[in-house]
Amino acid sequence: RKQRDDICWTEIAKKHGTRNAHQCLRKWYDYLCPSMVTKGEWGHGEDRVLLEALHLDYRGQLEWQVNWDDLVPHRSAHQARRRWKLMVKYIPDYQDRTFSEQVDFLCKHHSLGAYAPAAQ
């Protein structure tokens, strides 16, 4: 069973009927894929959607408790989690911060007003 990025290419090949799993995978990643797969680009507002969902639904929880599947429409859990990992790397001393502190920092950085922590 061939799988990549949480996509079962064997099942897609069966439904397509004219290509094998490897051909379907190559066609997607070489010609049809969204730019996020090849360049890491997200559409306008997707970072905001990700951060708002994390802030509203997972405040006070731990990162491993996040259900990454449903955070950003039309993005897989793998893509959302990969994007989160890229964003976190820009937080100074991110390893020393809790998940909630990381979310708060990024909300403030992205000027999410109501989601940014209050100044102390």
Protein backbone atom coordinates (compact mmCIF):
# COMPACT_ATOMS: atom_id res chain seq x y z
CA ARG A 1 0.00 0.00 0.00
CA LYS A 2 1.68 3.20 -1.18
CA GLN A 3 1.07 6.20 1.05
CA ARG A 4 2.58 9.67 1.22
CA ASP A 5 1.36 12.79 3.04
CA ASP A 6 -1.53 10.77 4.49
CA ILE A 7 -2.79 10.04 0.97
CA CYS A 8 -3.38 6.47 -0.08
CA TRP A 9 -2.21 6.60 -3.69
CA THR A 10 -3.21 2.98 -4.27
CA GLU A 11 -6.86 3.86 -3.60
CA ILE A 12 -6.63 6.88 -5.89
CA ALA A 13 -5.11 4.73 -8.63
CA LYS A 14 -7.96 2.21 -8.29
CA LYS A 15 -10.55 4.95 -8.64
CA HIS A 16 -8.73 6.57 -11.55
CA GLY A 17 -8.36 3.30 -13.39
CA THR A 18 -5.72 4.32 -15.94
CA ARG A 19 -2.68 4.95 -13.69
CA ASN A 20 -0.84 3.04 -10.99
CA ALA A 21 -0.18 4.51 -7.53
CA HIS A 22 3.26 5.82 -8.43
CA GLN A 23 1.97 7.53 -11.59
CA CYS A 24 -0.85 9.21 -9.62
CA LEU A 25 1.61 10.39 -6.99
CA ARG A 26 4.01 11.79 -9.61
CA LYS A 27 1.21 13.50 -11.55
CA TRP A 28 -0.01 15.22 -8.39
CA TYR A 29 3.37 16.38 -7.08
CA ASP A 30 4.86 17.27 -10.46
CA TYR A 31 1.90 18.94 -12.21
CA LEU A 32 -1.28 19.37 -10.22
CA CYS A 33 -0.30 20.03 -6.63
CA PRO A 34 -1.04 23.18 -4.65
CA SER A 35 1.99 25.43 -4.20
CA MET A 36 2.23 24.46 -0.53
CA VAL A 37 3.55 21.05 -1.50
CA THR A 38 6.38 22.36 -3.65
CA LYS A 39 7.13 25.83 -2.26
CA GLY A 40 5.69 25.84 1.24
CA GLU A 41 3.31 28.66 0.34
CA TRP A 42 -0.07 28.99 1.96
CA GLY A 43 -2.93 31.08 0.68
CA HIS A 44 -3.73 34.44 2.22
CA GLY A 45 -5.26 34.06 5.62
CA GLU A 46 -4.41 30.39 6.20
CA ASP A 47 -1.88 31.25 8.92
CA ARG A 48 -4.58 33.32 10.57
CA VAL A 49 -7.09 30.46 10.34
CA LEU A 50 -4.55 28.06 11.84
CA LEU A 51 -3.67 30.37 14.73
CA GLU A 52 -7.29 31.31 15.47
CA ALA A 53 -8.26 27.64 15.61
CA LEU A 54 -5.35 26.80 17.89
CA HIS A 55 -6.11 29.74 20.17
CA LEU A 56 -9.84 29.15 20.40
CA ASP A 57 -9.94 25.36 20.53
CA TYR A 58 -6.69 24.36 22.21
CA ARG A 59 -5.79 27.14 24.65
CA GLY A 60 -4.25 25.67 27.78
CA GLN A 61 -3.71 22.26 26.21
CA LEU A 62 -0.57 20.53 25.06
CA GLU A 63 0.58 20.29 21.44
CA TRP A 64 0.09 16.53 21.28
CA GLN A 65 -3.60 17.03 22.17
CA VAL A 66 -4.29 19.03 18.99
CA ASN A 67 -6.41 17.37 16.31
CA TRP A 68 -4.59 18.78 13.29
CA ASP A 69 -7.07 17.28 10.80
CA ASP A 70 -9.74 19.96 10.97
CA LEU A 71 -7.82 23.15 11.73
CA VAL A 72 -7.47 24.59 8.22
CA PRO A 73 -10.01 23.83 5.50
CA HIS A 74 -8.54 21.97 2.50
CA ARG A 75 -5.30 21.20 4.36
CA SER A 76 -4.33 17.82 5.72
CA ALA A 77 -3.20 17.23 9.28
CA HIS A 78 0.32 16.73 7.96
CA GLN A 79 0.28 20.10 6.18
CA ALA A 80 -1.14 21.98 9.18
CA ARG A 81 1.34 20.43 11.56
CA ARG A 82 4.25 21.06 9.19
CA ARG A 83 3.20 24.70 8.85
CA TRP A 84 2.95 25.01 12.65
CA LYS A 85 6.46 23.60 13.04
CA LEU A 86 7.80 26.15 10.54
CA MET A 87 6.05 29.05 12.31
CA VAL A 88 7.28 28.02 15.77
CA LYS A 89 10.92 28.07 14.68
CA TYR A 90 10.73 31.88 14.39
CA ILE A 91 9.83 32.30 18.07
CA PRO A 92 12.85 33.25 20.16
CA ASP A 93 13.64 30.41 22.61
CA TYR A 94 10.58 28.50 21.42
CA GLN A 95 11.82 25.32 23.10
CA ASP A 96 11.49 27.04 26.49
CA ARG A 97 7.87 28.15 25.94
CA THR A 98 4.69 26.21 26.51
CA PHE A 99 2.41 25.44 23.59
CA SER A 100 -0.03 28.15 24.76
CA GLU A 101 2.79 30.68 25.00
CA GLN A 102 3.87 29.80 21.47
CA VAL A 103 0.32 30.29 20.17
CA ASP A 104 0.01 33.62 22.02
CA PHE A 105 3.33 34.83 20.65
CA LEU A 106 2.36 33.99 17.07
CA CYS A 107 -1.10 35.54 17.47
CA LYS A 108 0.54 38.76 18.62
CA HIS A 109 3.13 38.57 15.84
CA HIS A 110 0.37 38.12 13.25
CA SER A 111 -1.66 40.99 14.77
CA LEU A 112 -4.68 38.89 15.62
CA GLY A 113 -5.91 41.55 18.03
CA ALA A 114 -8.53 39.73 20.09
CA TYR A 115 -6.38 36.60 20.12
CA ALA A 116 -3.17 38.26 21.22
CA PRO A 117 -2.42 38.13 24.95
CA ALA A 118 -3.05 41.31 26.91
CA ALA A 119 -0.01 43.47 27.65
CA GLN A 120 1.22 43.11 31.21
